[in-house]
Protein backbone atom coordinates (compact mmCIF):
# COMPACT_ATOMS: atom_id res chain seq x y z
CA UNK A 1 244.83 74.47 238.49
CA UNK A 2 247.84 76.75 238.23
CA UNK A 3 249.03 77.65 234.76
CA UNK A 4 252.12 75.89 233.38
CA UNK A 5 253.73 79.28 232.77
CA UNK A 6 253.21 82.65 231.09
CA UNK A 7 254.13 82.79 227.41
CA UNK A 8 254.37 85.89 225.19
CA UNK A 9 254.17 85.14 221.47
CA UNK A 10 255.67 87.83 219.23
CA UNK A 11 254.81 86.89 215.64
CA UNK A 12 253.54 89.14 212.85
CA UNK A 13 252.02 86.30 210.77
CA UNK A 14 248.47 86.28 212.19
CA UNK A 15 247.62 82.69 211.16
CA UNK A 16 250.74 81.27 212.80
CA UNK A 17 250.23 83.48 215.85
CA UNK A 18 246.66 82.20 216.33
CA UNK A 19 247.77 78.56 215.95
CA UNK A 20 250.46 79.05 218.60
CA UNK A 21 248.01 80.77 220.92
CA UNK A 22 245.49 77.95 220.62
CA UNK A 23 248.02 75.15 221.03
CA UNK A 24 249.90 76.66 223.98
CA UNK A 25 246.65 77.48 225.81
CA UNK A 26 245.56 73.87 225.30
CA UNK A 27 248.86 72.79 226.94
CA UNK A 28 247.94 74.82 230.05
CA UNK A 29 249.92 78.03 229.52
CA UNK A 30 248.74 81.58 230.05
CA UNK A 31 249.33 83.16 226.65
CA UNK A 32 249.80 86.77 225.54
CA UNK A 33 250.50 87.74 221.94
CA UNK A 34 251.61 90.59 219.73
CA UNK A 35 252.51 91.10 216.12
CA UNK A 36 254.54 94.25 216.79
CA UNK A 37 258.01 94.66 218.20
CA UNK A 38 257.42 97.79 220.25
CA UNK A 39 254.07 96.59 221.58
CA UNK A 40 255.65 93.30 222.66
CA UNK A 41 258.03 95.14 224.99
CA UNK A 42 255.10 96.96 226.59
CA UNK A 43 253.30 93.63 227.14
CA UNK A 44 256.45 92.05 228.56
CA UNK A 45 256.85 94.93 231.02
CA UNK A 46 253.22 94.70 232.16
CA UNK A 47 252.75 90.91 232.25
CA UNK A 48 256.26 89.64 233.00
CA UNK A 49 256.09 86.41 230.95
CA UNK A 50 258.28 83.45 231.74
CA UNK A 51 259.10 82.76 228.07
CA UNK A 52 258.98 84.95 224.97
CA UNK A 53 258.61 83.24 221.58
CA UNK A 54 260.16 85.87 219.30
CA UNK A 55 260.02 86.19 215.54
CA UNK A 56 262.72 88.35 213.94
CA UNK A 57 260.91 90.11 211.09
CA UNK A 58 258.54 92.49 212.93
CA UNK A 59 257.06 95.95 212.31
CA UNK A 60 258.20 99.02 214.32
CA UNK A 61 261.15 97.13 215.87
CA UNK A 62 262.83 93.99 214.64
CA UNK A 63 263.29 90.87 216.75
CA UNK A 64 267.03 91.46 217.18
CA UNK A 65 266.38 94.74 218.95
CA UNK A 66 263.47 93.31 220.95
CA UNK A 67 265.76 90.54 222.20
CA UNK A 68 268.47 92.98 223.14
CA UNK A 69 266.02 95.20 225.05
CA UNK A 70 264.47 92.20 226.84
CA UNK A 71 267.96 91.20 228.01
CA UNK A 72 269.07 94.68 229.10
CA UNK A 73 265.86 96.26 230.36
CA UNK A 74 263.43 93.50 231.44
CA UNK A 75 264.76 93.49 235.00
CA UNK A 76 264.16 89.76 235.55
CA UNK A 77 265.20 86.44 234.05
CA UNK A 78 262.82 86.13 231.10
CA UNK A 79 263.65 83.31 228.69
CA UNK A 80 263.73 84.13 224.95
CA UNK A 81 263.26 81.55 222.21
CA UNK A 82 263.72 82.94 218.71
CA UNK A 83 261.47 81.42 216.02
CA UNK A 84 262.55 82.41 212.52
CA UNK A 85 262.79 81.41 208.90
CA UNK A 86 266.31 82.84 208.91
CA UNK A 87 268.27 79.59 209.20
CA UNK A 88 271.90 80.51 208.54
CA UNK A 89 274.39 79.70 211.26
CA UNK A 90 275.36 83.37 211.52
CA UNK A 91 271.74 84.19 212.38
CA UNK A 92 271.69 81.52 215.09
CA UNK A 93 274.96 82.80 216.57
CA UNK A 94 273.76 86.39 216.45
CA UNK A 95 270.60 85.41 218.34
CA UNK A 96 272.57 83.57 221.01
CA UNK A 97 275.01 86.44 221.31
CA UNK A 98 272.09 88.80 221.98
CA UNK A 99 270.94 86.59 224.84
CA UNK A 100 268.38 84.18 223.36
CA UNK A 101 268.15 80.86 225.19
CA UNK A 102 267.25 78.91 222.06
CA UNK A 103 266.74 79.35 218.31
CA UNK A 104 264.06 77.42 216.42
CA UNK A 105 264.08 77.41 212.64
CA UNK A 106 260.83 77.61 210.70
CA UNK A 107 259.01 75.48 209.74
CA UNK A 108 258.65 73.74 213.09
CA UNK A 109 256.20 71.35 214.70
CA UNK A 110 253.96 72.44 217.54
CA UNK A 111 255.26 69.57 219.64
CA UNK A 112 258.78 70.91 219.17
CA UNK A 113 257.77 74.37 220.39
CA UNK A 114 256.12 72.93 223.50
CA UNK A 115 259.14 70.76 224.22
CA UNK A 116 261.52 73.72 223.95
CA UNK A 117 259.33 75.94 226.12
CA UNK A 118 259.15 73.29 228.82
CA UNK A 119 262.92 72.81 228.58
CA UNK A 120 263.74 76.49 229.30
CA UNK A 121 261.15 76.57 232.10
CA UNK A 122 262.97 73.68 233.78
CA UNK A 123 266.05 75.90 234.01
CA UNK A 124 264.43 77.96 236.79
CA UNK A 125 266.02 77.45 239.21
CA UNK A 126 269.06 75.96 237.48
CA UNK A 127 270.16 72.47 238.51
CA UNK A 128 273.88 72.51 239.18
CA UNK A 129 274.39 69.11 240.77
CA UNK A 130 278.11 69.04 239.86
CA UNK A 131 278.76 72.51 241.31
CA UNK A 132 278.95 74.12 244.71
CA UNK A 133 276.81 77.24 245.37
CA UNK A 134 278.09 80.71 246.19
CA UNK A 135 281.62 80.16 244.95
CA UNK A 136 283.92 82.30 242.86
CA UNK A 137 285.76 80.35 240.16
CA UNK A 138 288.82 82.29 239.08
CA UNK A 139 291.20 81.30 236.31
CA UNK A 140 292.89 84.53 235.22
CA UNK A 141 291.87 86.41 233.23
CA UNK A 142 288.41 84.76 233.58
CA UNK A 143 286.20 84.74 236.68
CA UNK A 144 282.72 83.33 237.30
CA UNK A 145 280.52 84.03 240.33
CA UNK A 146 277.81 81.50 241.13
CA UNK A 147 276.18 83.95 243.53
CA UNK A 148 275.62 86.71 240.96
CA UNK A 149 275.92 84.61 237.77
CA UNK A 150 278.41 87.22 236.55
CA UNK A 151 281.26 86.30 234.26
CA UNK A 152 284.16 88.72 233.79
CA UNK A 153 287.07 88.63 231.37
CA UNK A 154 290.00 90.98 232.07
CA UNK A 155 287.68 92.48 234.72
CA UNK A 156 285.03 93.41 232.11
CA UNK A 157 281.56 91.73 232.34
CA UNK A 158 280.60 89.35 229.57
CA UNK A 159 276.85 88.85 228.86
CA UNK A 160 276.03 85.16 228.56
CA UNK A 161 272.83 83.26 227.89
CA UNK A 162 271.59 80.85 230.55
CA UNK A 163 272.87 77.87 228.55
CA UNK A 164 276.28 79.47 227.92
CA UNK A 165 276.65 80.27 231.61
CA UNK A 166 275.85 76.71 232.71
CA UNK A 167 278.19 75.15 230.16
CA UNK A 168 281.03 77.50 231.16
CA UNK A 169 280.33 76.87 234.84
CA UNK A 170 280.62 73.13 234.30
CA UNK A 171 283.86 73.40 232.36
CA UNK A 172 285.51 75.96 234.64
CA UNK A 173 284.66 73.85 237.69
CA UNK A 174 286.70 70.95 236.30
CA UNK A 175 289.71 72.42 234.46
CA UNK A 176 291.40 69.93 232.17
CA UNK A 177 288.53 67.44 232.42
CA UNK A 178 286.86 66.46 229.13
CA UNK A 179 283.07 66.33 228.93
CA UNK A 180 281.36 64.77 225.95
CA UNK A 181 278.35 66.42 224.31
CA UNK A 182 275.74 64.15 225.88
CA UNK A 183 277.08 64.92 229.36
CA UNK A 184 276.92 68.62 228.59
CA UNK A 185 273.38 68.34 227.24
CA UNK A 186 272.34 66.52 230.39
CA UNK A 187 273.89 69.19 232.59
CA UNK A 188 271.99 72.04 230.95
CA UNK A 189 268.74 70.11 231.20
CA UNK A 190 268.21 69.41 227.51
CA UNK A 191 268.60 65.62 227.53
CA UNK A 192 264.86 64.98 227.42
CA UNK A 193 264.22 66.73 224.11
CA UNK A 194 265.25 65.97 220.55
CA UNK A 195 268.25 68.32 220.82
CA UNK A 196 271.64 66.95 219.86
CA UNK A 197 275.31 67.61 220.38
CA UNK A 198 275.13 70.01 217.49
CA UNK A 199 273.45 72.52 219.82
CA UNK A 200 276.38 72.25 222.23
CA UNK A 201 278.77 73.06 219.36
CA UNK A 202 276.80 76.22 218.55
CA UNK A 203 276.90 77.41 222.18
CA UNK A 204 280.63 76.67 222.45
CA UNK A 205 281.33 78.69 219.28
CA UNK A 206 279.34 81.57 220.75
CA UNK A 207 281.36 81.44 223.98
CA UNK A 208 284.63 81.44 222.07
CA UNK A 209 283.55 84.46 220.06
CA UNK A 210 282.84 86.34 223.28
CA UNK A 211 286.25 85.36 224.68
CA UNK A 212 288.05 86.89 221.68
CA UNK A 213 291.83 86.26 221.96
CA UNK A 214 291.18 83.98 224.96
CA UNK A 215 288.94 81.61 222.96
CA UNK A 216 291.52 78.84 223.30
CA UNK A 217 290.61 78.41 226.98
CA UNK A 218 287.77 76.19 225.73
CA UNK A 219 289.58 73.38 224.02
CA UNK A 220 288.20 70.75 221.62
CA UNK A 221 289.22 67.17 222.37
CA UNK A 222 288.69 65.77 218.90
CA UNK A 223 286.24 62.93 218.77
CA UNK A 224 285.46 63.29 222.49
CA UNK A 225 284.15 66.67 223.59
CA UNK A 226 285.35 69.88 225.28
CA UNK A 227 287.48 70.92 228.23
CA UNK A 228 288.51 74.15 229.93
CA UNK A 229 292.21 75.02 229.90
CA UNK A 230 293.19 77.89 232.21
CA UNK A 231 295.91 80.11 230.83
CA UNK A 232 298.16 78.94 233.70
CA UNK A 233 297.91 75.33 232.50
CA UNK A 234 300.09 74.65 229.49
CA UNK A 235 299.53 70.98 228.74
CA UNK A 236 296.95 69.45 231.09
CA UNK A 237 296.67 65.70 231.26
CA UNK A 238 293.63 64.32 229.52
CA UNK A 239 290.93 63.50 232.05
CA UNK A 240 287.73 62.13 230.53
CA UNK A 241 284.49 62.44 232.51
CA UNK A 242 283.07 59.00 233.07
């Protein structure tokens, strides 16, 4: 039977690392593990895991730097899930800004970890039922290519996580149309887990931070959800997704 996927666990607490190894192997995954930041990059390069479970407090190289290097040097679409006792919102946003697909706060349940791993694995290939392939969506100064998955602002590339890209793609494809949080969760493939609309809010804040002075292009419809407002649209009519 084929493995459910290849997982690299990067955790310096040996007891927790061994528990994760045992449980994920029992769930059918091929599992690699390291307690060291630098060593984890070498393993990732050699084994090309599908998902990296990444602690932040590591010897030789912290998890922030490991995440950054995985995103810039891995050469393929590895998914990164940060697992950390650092539970402040700024920590979560920093992790997402660096390219993590998800952020799990310690302590966590083993069922939660398996659910989140399976969720990110379902994103390959992404399911964009509301979108048309190979199109360029252009709302100056923002452009999004579905062929290359590249987003550019004022002609400069913006690094996005997989979830941020899919949320932005959805919103840019329907300017002025309001999507509620449950619709957005469903679109990014997270409707089958315990995740809530709160996760959408975190990703939207991360997108706005990356947009800088253009953050207002993602507008909050209070009590409803979010919509994309191109700079050329001054006061779009409210259109709520049914």
